[in-house]
Amino acid sequence: MKNELEELMKKAAHADSEVSTPMQKVVPVTAKKRENEVQYMLWMDKYLMKSLKLKSVETGRSVKDLIEEAIRRNL
């Protein structure tokens, strides 16, 4: 029984050295440059955001387009 256990331990130790983990290639994400645009983050009232999303669905326009239009009208 002791010999069997020793043999199993040797096999396990030997098997670990033979197993190689496949390496995944890491490719950085490159963001597209947008001419005449900048990124801006803000916190917004959640009910206002909900209304904005509903308006987006109703009109078939993106939230970004709706915000840009509202800002242009008020500048």
PDB file of N, CA and C in Angstrom:
ATOM      1  N   MET A   1       0.827  -1.186   0.000  1.00  0.00           N
ATOM      2  CA  MET A   1       0.000   0.000   0.000  1.00  0.00           C
ATOM      3  C   MET A   1       0.874   1.255   0.000  1.00  0.00           C
ATOM      4  N   LYS A   2       1.941   1.223   0.799  1.00  0.00           N
ATOM      5  CA  LYS A   2       2.838   2.365   0.870  1.00  0.00           C
ATOM      6  C   LYS A   2       3.514   2.589  -0.472  1.00  0.00           C
ATOM      7  N   ASN A   3       3.903   1.515  -1.134  1.00  0.00           N
ATOM      8  CA  ASN A   3       4.545   1.621  -2.448  1.00  0.00           C
ATOM      9  C   ASN A   3       3.586   2.193  -3.480  1.00  0.00           C
ATOM     10  N   GLU A   4       2.344   1.797  -3.424  1.00  0.00           N
ATOM     11  CA  GLU A   4       1.346   2.322  -4.358  1.00  0.00           C
ATOM     12  C   GLU A   4       1.168   3.825  -4.171  1.00  0.00           C
ATOM     13  N   LEU A   5       1.134   4.246  -2.917  1.00  0.00           N
ATOM     14  CA  LEU A   5       0.986   5.662  -2.617  1.00  0.00           C
ATOM     15  C   LEU A   5       2.197   6.447  -3.125  1.00  0.00           C
ATOM     16  N   GLU A   6       3.387   5.908  -2.912  1.00  0.00           N
ATOM     17  CA  GLU A   6       4.604   6.563  -3.383  1.00  0.00           C
ATOM     18  C   GLU A   6       4.619   6.661  -4.905  1.00  0.00           C
ATOM     19  N   GLU A   7       4.178   5.617  -5.575  1.00  0.00           N
ATOM     20  CA  GLU A   7       4.116   5.630  -7.039  1.00  0.00           C
ATOM     21  C   GLU A   7       3.129   6.682  -7.539  1.00  0.00           C
ATOM     22  N   LEU A   8       1.979   6.759  -6.894  1.00  0.00           N
ATOM     23  CA  LEU A   8       0.992   7.774  -7.267  1.00  0.00           C
ATOM     24  C   LEU A   8       1.543   9.183  -7.061  1.00  0.00           C
ATOM     25  N   MET A   9       2.265   9.406  -5.973  1.00  0.00           N
ATOM     26  CA  MET A   9       2.848  10.718  -5.701  1.00  0.00           C
ATOM     27  C   MET A   9       3.895  11.071  -6.754  1.00  0.00           C
ATOM     28  N   LYS A  10       4.704  10.097  -7.162  1.00  0.00           N
ATOM     29  CA  LYS A  10       5.709  10.332  -8.201  1.00  0.00           C
ATOM     30  C   LYS A  10       5.041  10.670  -9.532  1.00  0.00           C
ATOM     31  N   LYS A  11       3.975   9.937  -9.857  1.00  0.00           N
ATOM     32  CA  LYS A  11       3.250  10.210 -11.090  1.00  0.00           C
ATOM     33  C   LYS A  11       2.649  11.613 -11.077  1.00  0.00           C
ATOM     34  N   ALA A  12       2.078  11.973  -9.938  1.00  0.00           N
ATOM     35  CA  ALA A  12       1.456  13.298  -9.826  1.00  0.00           C
ATOM     36  C   ALA A  12       2.508  14.398  -9.957  1.00  0.00           C
ATOM     37  N   ALA A  13       3.654  14.224  -9.326  1.00  0.00           N
ATOM     38  CA  ALA A  13       4.724  15.217  -9.414  1.00  0.00           C
ATOM     39  C   ALA A  13       5.250  15.302 -10.837  1.00  0.00           C
ATOM     40  N   HIS A  14       5.370  14.183 -11.488  1.00  0.00           N
ATOM     41  CA  HIS A  14       5.863  14.150 -12.865  1.00  0.00           C
ATOM     42  C   HIS A  14       4.827  14.731 -13.837  1.00  0.00           C
ATOM     43  N   ALA A  15       3.555  14.472 -13.575  1.00  0.00           N
ATOM     44  CA  ALA A  15       2.488  14.963 -14.449  1.00  0.00           C
ATOM     45  C   ALA A  15       2.407  16.481 -14.400  1.00  0.00           C
ATOM     46  N   ASP A  16       2.639  17.073 -13.230  1.00  0.00           N
ATOM     47  CA  ASP A  16       2.585  18.529 -13.105  1.00  0.00           C
ATOM     48  C   ASP A  16       3.635  19.199 -13.982  1.00  0.00           C
ATOM     49  N   SER A  17       4.789  18.583 -14.099  1.00  0.00           N
ATOM     50  CA  SER A  17       5.852  19.201 -14.896  1.00  0.00           C
ATOM     51  C   SER A  17       5.582  19.087 -16.393  1.00  0.00           C
ATOM     52  N   GLU A  18       4.769  18.122 -16.791  1.00  0.00           N
ATOM     53  CA  GLU A  18       4.481  17.922 -18.209  1.00  0.00           C
ATOM     54  C   GLU A  18       3.304  18.770 -18.695  1.00  0.00           C
ATOM     55  N   VAL A  19       2.418  19.153 -17.795  1.00  0.00           N
ATOM     56  CA  VAL A  19       1.232  19.902 -18.179  1.00  0.00           C
ATOM     57  C   VAL A  19       1.609  21.363 -18.387  1.00  0.00           C
ATOM     58  N   SER A  20       1.216  21.871 -19.542  1.00  0.00           N
ATOM     59  CA  SER A  20       1.468  23.288 -19.778  1.00  0.00           C
ATOM     60  C   SER A  20       0.128  23.993 -19.986  1.00  0.00           C
ATOM     61  N   THR A  21      -0.008  25.108 -19.351  1.00  0.00           N
ATOM     62  CA  THR A  21      -1.225  25.888 -19.452  1.00  0.00           C
ATOM     63  C   THR A  21      -1.167  26.721 -20.723  1.00  0.00           C
ATOM     64  N   PRO A  22      -2.195  26.666 -21.556  1.00  0.00           N
ATOM     65  CA  PRO A  22      -2.167  27.476 -22.776  1.00  0.00           C
ATOM     66  C   PRO A  22      -2.200  28.964 -22.418  1.00  0.00           C
ATOM     67  N   MET A  23      -1.433  29.741 -23.129  1.00  0.00           N
ATOM     68  CA  MET A  23      -1.366  31.174 -22.884  1.00  0.00           C
ATOM     69  C   MET A  23      -2.296  31.889 -23.851  1.00  0.00           C
ATOM     70  N   GLN A  24      -3.049  32.829 -23.324  1.00  0.00           N
ATOM     71  CA  GLN A  24      -3.960  33.609 -24.143  1.00  0.00           C
ATOM     72  C   GLN A  24      -3.252  34.874 -24.595  1.00  0.00           C
ATOM     73  N   LYS A  25      -3.390  35.186 -25.853  1.00  0.00           N
ATOM     74  CA  LYS A  25      -2.767  36.386 -26.374  1.00  0.00           C
ATOM     75  C   LYS A  25      -3.578  37.600 -25.912  1.00  0.00           C
ATOM     76  N   VAL A  26      -2.896  38.590 -25.350  1.00  0.00           N
ATOM     77  CA  VAL A  26      -3.544  39.797 -24.868  1.00  0.00           C
ATOM     78  C   VAL A  26      -3.336  40.891 -25.903  1.00  0.00           C
ATOM     79  N   VAL A  27      -4.445  41.419 -26.379  1.00  0.00           N
ATOM     80  CA  VAL A  27      -4.398  42.478 -27.387  1.00  0.00           C
ATOM     81  C   VAL A  27      -5.055  43.719 -26.800  1.00  0.00           C
ATOM     82  N   PRO A  28      -4.327  44.834 -26.718  1.00  0.00           N
ATOM     83  CA  PRO A  28      -4.936  46.038 -26.152  1.00  0.00           C
ATOM     84  C   PRO A  28      -6.044  46.579 -27.048  1.00  0.00           C
ATOM     85  N   VAL A  29      -7.060  47.119 -26.419  1.00  0.00           N
ATOM     86  CA  VAL A  29      -8.170  47.712 -27.151  1.00  0.00           C
ATOM     87  C   VAL A  29      -7.764  49.112 -27.570  1.00  0.00           C
ATOM     88  N   THR A  30      -7.908  49.380 -28.833  1.00  0.00           N
ATOM     89  CA  THR A  30      -7.574  50.714 -29.313  1.00  0.00           C
ATOM     90  C   THR A  30      -8.868  51.468 -29.581  1.00  0.00           C
ATOM     91  N   ALA A  31      -8.995  52.591 -28.938  1.00  0.00           N
ATOM     92  CA  ALA A  31     -10.197  53.404 -29.110  1.00  0.00           C
ATOM     93  C   ALA A  31     -10.068  54.216 -30.390  1.00  0.00           C
ATOM     94  N   LYS A  32     -11.174  54.320 -31.097  1.00  0.00           N
ATOM     95  CA  LYS A  32     -11.181  55.116 -32.314  1.00  0.00           C
ATOM     96  C   LYS A  32     -11.127  56.588 -31.935  1.00  0.00           C
ATOM     97  N   LYS A  33     -10.296  57.326 -32.631  1.00  0.00           N
ATOM     98  CA  LYS A  33     -10.224  58.763 -32.403  1.00  0.00           C
ATOM     99  C   LYS A  33     -11.432  59.411 -33.057  1.00  0.00           C
ATOM    100  N   ARG A  34     -12.084  60.261 -32.332  1.00  0.00           N
ATOM    101  CA  ARG A  34     -13.247  60.968 -32.859  1.00  0.00           C
ATOM    102  C   ARG A  34     -12.860  62.433 -33.020  1.00  0.00           C
ATOM    103  N   GLU A  35     -12.860  62.876 -34.233  1.00  0.00           N
ATOM    104  CA  GLU A  35     -12.513  64.264 -34.481  1.00  0.00           C
ATOM    105  C   GLU A  35     -13.617  65.169 -33.947  1.00  0.00           C
ATOM    106  N   ASN A  36     -13.223  66.284 -33.385  1.00  0.00           N
ATOM    107  CA  ASN A  36     -14.140  67.295 -32.862  1.00  0.00           C
ATOM    108  C   ASN A  36     -15.021  66.786 -31.729  1.00  0.00           C
ATOM    109  N   GLU A  37     -14.593  65.758 -31.024  1.00  0.00           N
ATOM    110  CA  GLU A  37     -15.351  65.253 -29.879  1.00  0.00           C
ATOM    111  C   GLU A  37     -14.424  65.058 -28.695  1.00  0.00           C
ATOM    112  N   VAL A  38     -14.958  65.271 -27.504  1.00  0.00           N
ATOM    113  CA  VAL A  38     -14.243  64.993 -26.262  1.00  0.00           C
ATOM    114  C   VAL A  38     -15.152  64.163 -25.371  1.00  0.00           C
ATOM    115  N   GLN A  39     -14.554  63.471 -24.427  1.00  0.00           N
ATOM    116  CA  GLN A  39     -15.337  62.647 -23.512  1.00  0.00           C
ATOM    117  C   GLN A  39     -15.568  63.421 -22.221  1.00  0.00           C
ATOM    118  N   TYR A  40     -16.792  63.343 -21.697  1.00  0.00           N
ATOM    119  CA  TYR A  40     -17.150  64.027 -20.454  1.00  0.00           C
ATOM    120  C   TYR A  40     -18.092  63.133 -19.658  1.00  0.00           C
ATOM    121  N   MET A  41     -17.777  62.933 -18.395  1.00  0.00           N
ATOM    122  CA  MET A  41     -18.622  62.105 -17.524  1.00  0.00           C
ATOM    123  C   MET A  41     -19.337  63.007 -16.533  1.00  0.00           C
ATOM    124  N   LEU A  42     -20.602  62.691 -16.220  1.00  0.00           N
ATOM    125  CA  LEU A  42     -21.323  63.464 -15.231  1.00  0.00           C
ATOM    126  C   LEU A  42     -22.329  62.595 -14.506  1.00  0.00           C
ATOM    127  N   TRP A  43     -22.706  63.053 -13.319  1.00  0.00           N
ATOM    128  CA  TRP A  43     -23.757  62.387 -12.558  1.00  0.00           C
ATOM    129  C   TRP A  43     -25.058  63.111 -12.868  1.00  0.00           C
ATOM    130  N   MET A  44     -26.123  62.323 -13.107  1.00  0.00           N
ATOM    131  CA  MET A  44     -27.396  62.896 -13.507  1.00  0.00           C
ATOM    132  C   MET A  44     -28.509  62.316 -12.632  1.00  0.00           C
ATOM    133  N   ASP A  45     -29.550  63.104 -12.399  1.00  0.00           N
ATOM    134  CA  ASP A  45     -30.719  62.636 -11.670  1.00  0.00           C
ATOM    135  C   ASP A  45     -31.270  61.384 -12.355  1.00  0.00           C
ATOM    136  N   LYS A  46     -31.527  60.333 -11.574  1.00  0.00           N
ATOM    137  CA  LYS A  46     -31.921  59.058 -12.189  1.00  0.00           C
ATOM    138  C   LYS A  46     -33.262  59.136 -12.917  1.00  0.00           C
ATOM    139  N   TYR A  47     -34.168  59.993 -12.448  1.00  0.00           N
ATOM    140  CA  TYR A  47     -35.455  60.127 -13.122  1.00  0.00           C
ATOM    141  C   TYR A  47     -35.309  60.894 -14.439  1.00  0.00           C
ATOM    142  N   LEU A  48     -34.403  61.844 -14.453  1.00  0.00           N
ATOM    143  CA  LEU A  48     -34.108  62.561 -15.687  1.00  0.00           C
ATOM    144  C   LEU A  48     -33.488  61.616 -16.718  1.00  0.00           C
ATOM    145  N   MET A  49     -32.581  60.764 -16.254  1.00  0.00           N
ATOM    146  CA  MET A  49     -31.952  59.798 -17.159  1.00  0.00           C
ATOM    147  C   MET A  49     -32.986  58.801 -17.693  1.00  0.00           C
ATOM    148  N   LYS A  50     -33.902  58.371 -16.840  1.00  0.00           N
ATOM    149  CA  LYS A  50     -34.957  57.440 -17.267  1.00  0.00           C
ATOM    150  C   LYS A  50     -35.820  58.094 -18.350  1.00  0.00           C
ATOM    151  N   SER A  51     -36.186  59.357 -18.135  1.00  0.00           N
ATOM    152  CA  SER A  51     -36.982  60.088 -19.129  1.00  0.00           C
ATOM    153  C   SER A  51     -36.219  60.244 -20.433  1.00  0.00           C
ATOM    154  N   LEU A  52     -34.939  60.498 -20.311  1.00  0.00           N
ATOM    155  CA  LEU A  52     -34.100  60.655 -21.493  1.00  0.00           C
ATOM    156  C   LEU A  52     -34.025  59.351 -22.294  1.00  0.00           C
ATOM    157  N   LYS A  53     -33.895  58.242 -21.607  1.00  0.00           N
ATOM    158  CA  LYS A  53     -33.848  56.940 -22.282  1.00  0.00           C
ATOM    159  C   LYS A  53     -35.186  56.618 -22.952  1.00  0.00           C
ATOM    160  N   LEU A  54     -36.284  56.931 -22.269  1.00  0.00           N
ATOM    161  CA  LEU A  54     -37.603  56.701 -22.869  1.00  0.00           C
ATOM    162  C   LEU A  54     -37.781  57.544 -24.130  1.00  0.00           C
ATOM    163  N   LYS A  55     -37.361  58.800 -24.063  1.00  0.00           N
ATOM    164  CA  LYS A  55     -37.435  59.690 -25.226  1.00  0.00           C
ATOM    165  C   LYS A  55     -36.581  59.131 -26.364  1.00  0.00           C
ATOM    166  N   SER A  56     -35.451  58.579 -26.024  1.00  0.00           N
ATOM    167  CA  SER A  56     -34.560  57.983 -27.021  1.00  0.00           C
ATOM    168  C   SER A  56     -35.246  56.828 -27.743  1.00  0.00           C
ATOM    169  N   VAL A  57     -35.929  55.986 -26.990  1.00  0.00           N
ATOM    170  CA  VAL A  57     -36.640  54.841 -27.581  1.00  0.00           C
ATOM    171  C   VAL A  57     -37.808  55.328 -28.435  1.00  0.00           C
ATOM    172  N   GLU A  58     -38.548  56.295 -27.920  1.00  0.00           N
ATOM    173  CA  GLU A  58     -39.723  56.805 -28.632  1.00  0.00           C
ATOM    174  C   GLU A  58     -39.350  57.463 -29.958  1.00  0.00           C
ATOM    175  N   THR A  59     -38.229  58.178 -29.970  1.00  0.00           N
ATOM    176  CA  THR A  59     -37.836  58.920 -31.168  1.00  0.00           C
ATOM    177  C   THR A  59     -36.876  58.154 -32.071  1.00  0.00           C
ATOM    178  N   GLY A  60     -36.316  57.066 -31.557  1.00  0.00           N
ATOM    179  CA  GLY A  60     -35.357  56.300 -32.354  1.00  0.00           C
ATOM    180  C   GLY A  60     -34.002  57.001 -32.477  1.00  0.00           C
ATOM    181  N   ARG A  61     -33.750  57.937 -31.591  1.00  0.00           N
ATOM    182  CA  ARG A  61     -32.482  58.668 -31.596  1.00  0.00           C
ATOM    183  C   ARG A  61     -31.657  58.248 -30.392  1.00  0.00           C
ATOM    184  N   SER A  62     -30.346  58.399 -30.491  1.00  0.00           N
ATOM    185  CA  SER A  62     -29.485  58.007 -29.371  1.00  0.00           C
ATOM    186  C   SER A  62     -29.568  59.035 -28.253  1.00  0.00           C
ATOM    187  N   VAL A  63     -29.262  58.589 -27.055  1.00  0.00           N
ATOM    188  CA  VAL A  63     -29.225  59.472 -25.899  1.00  0.00           C
ATOM    189  C   VAL A  63     -28.211  60.582 -26.143  1.00  0.00           C
ATOM    190  N   LYS A  64     -27.084  60.236 -26.725  1.00  0.00           N
ATOM    191  CA  LYS A  64     -26.039  61.216 -27.035  1.00  0.00           C
ATOM    192  C   LYS A  64     -26.581  62.321 -27.941  1.00  0.00           C
ATOM    193  N   ASP A  65     -27.308  61.935 -28.987  1.00  0.00           N
ATOM    194  CA  ASP A  65     -27.874  62.933 -29.905  1.00  0.00           C
ATOM    195  C   ASP A  65     -28.868  63.847 -29.201  1.00  0.00           C
ATOM    196  N   LEU A  66     -29.701  63.276 -28.344  1.00  0.00           N
ATOM    197  CA  LEU A  66     -30.677  64.093 -27.615  1.00  0.00           C
ATOM    198  C   LEU A  66     -29.991  65.092 -26.683  1.00  0.00           C
ATOM    199  N   ILE A  67     -28.949  64.644 -25.994  1.00  0.00           N
ATOM    200  CA  ILE A  67     -28.220  65.534 -25.093  1.00  0.00           C
ATOM    201  C   ILE A  67     -27.532  66.640 -25.873  1.00  0.00           C
ATOM    202  N   GLU A  68     -26.873  66.284 -26.990  1.00  0.00           N
ATOM    203  CA  GLU A  68     -26.194  67.295 -27.804  1.00  0.00           C
ATOM    204  C   GLU A  68     -27.186  68.333 -28.335  1.00  0.00           C
ATOM    205  N   GLU A  69     -28.343  67.875 -28.783  1.00  0.00           N
ATOM    206  CA  GLU A  69     -29.352  68.802 -29.288  1.00  0.00           C
ATOM    207  C   GLU A  69     -29.831  69.766 -28.204  1.00  0.00           C
ATOM    208  N   ALA A  70     -30.084  69.223 -27.010  1.00  0.00           N
ATOM    209  CA  ALA A  70     -30.543  70.063 -25.904  1.00  0.00           C
ATOM    210  C   ALA A  70     -29.488  71.090 -25.515  1.00  0.00           C
ATOM    211  N   ILE A  71     -28.243  70.689 -25.506  1.00  0.00           N
ATOM    212  CA  ILE A  71     -27.164  71.627 -25.168  1.00  0.00           C
ATOM    213  C   ILE A  71     -27.050  72.709 -26.243  1.00  0.00           C
ATOM    214  N   ARG A  72     -27.111  72.323 -27.505  1.00  0.00           N
ATOM    215  CA  ARG A  72     -27.005  73.310 -28.600  1.00  0.00           C
ATOM    216  C   ARG A  72     -28.143  74.341 -28.535  1.00  0.00           C
ATOM    217  N   ARG A  73     -29.361  73.863 -28.218  1.00  0.00           N
ATOM    218  CA  ARG A  73     -30.504  74.766 -28.141  1.00  0.00           C
ATOM    219  C   ARG A  73     -30.352  75.781 -27.002  1.00  0.00           C
ATOM    220  N   ASN A  74     -29.638  75.389 -25.952  1.00  0.00           N
ATOM    221  CA  ASN A  74     -29.538  76.241 -24.768  1.00  0.00           C
ATOM    222  C   ASN A  74     -28.235  77.019 -24.671  1.00  0.00           C
ATOM    223  N   LEU A  75     -27.400  76.939 -25.661  1.00  0.00           N
ATOM    224  CA  LEU A  75     -26.145  77.721 -25.626  1.00  0.00           C
ATOM    225  C   LEU A  75     -26.282  78.996 -26.418  1.00  0.00           C
TER     226      LEU A  75
END
